[in-house]
Amino acid sequence: MIILEGNIIILEDIMIDDFLKKYRDELNSDRIQIKEDIDLLSTKIHEETKFLNILEESNETYFKEFTPRDINSKNKEKAIEVKNIINELSKELDSKTDKMKFIEGRLVEISNLLEFISNKDFKDSLNNNDSLNNLDGKSYSNISLLNQLKSINDIILLDPYKAKLDLENIISSL
């Protein structure tokens, strides 16, 4: 415990808060990287699918029934290879998507924990400081709003899309 001018600050809460913020930042950077990987995999799958369609169209000749041999055997082999590549890319995309869902779930949990810790600290400071005991509900909601804005400020560079959504949620709740 550290005692500063009569206010008690519990070191463990500060350490937990710092740890959770660092972990959240790491997860955000992982999420950004996985998002880029998902976009790249989606693009590759799209390109390979178009290539596969071109190969399959070239195999469909009008006189196929009248020829005794296989006209485009190389194209058929290449089409099989491309199908295998598409299957592998799809599996990798599914894996990345699952990882993204896991990370987003962890981020929600961490955000809830950070909000709980910040509200707990605020409640403790209300109980410890007699001059703050006269605060009404508006002041408490303003402090809660301030905490939400601070958390948005922390993530705005890492995830501007989430920051925008959080700001829109705050605006809609006002």
Foldseek 3Di string as FASTA:
>chain_A
DDADPQDDDDPVLVVVLVVLLVVLLVLLLVLVVLVVVLVVLVVVLVVLVVVLVVLVVVQDDPCVVVDPDRDCPVSVVVSVVSVVVSVVSVVVSVVSVVVNVVSVVVSVVSVVVSLVSVVVVVVVVCVSDVVNVPDDPVVVVVVSVVVLVVVLVSCCVSDVPVSVVSVVVVVVVD
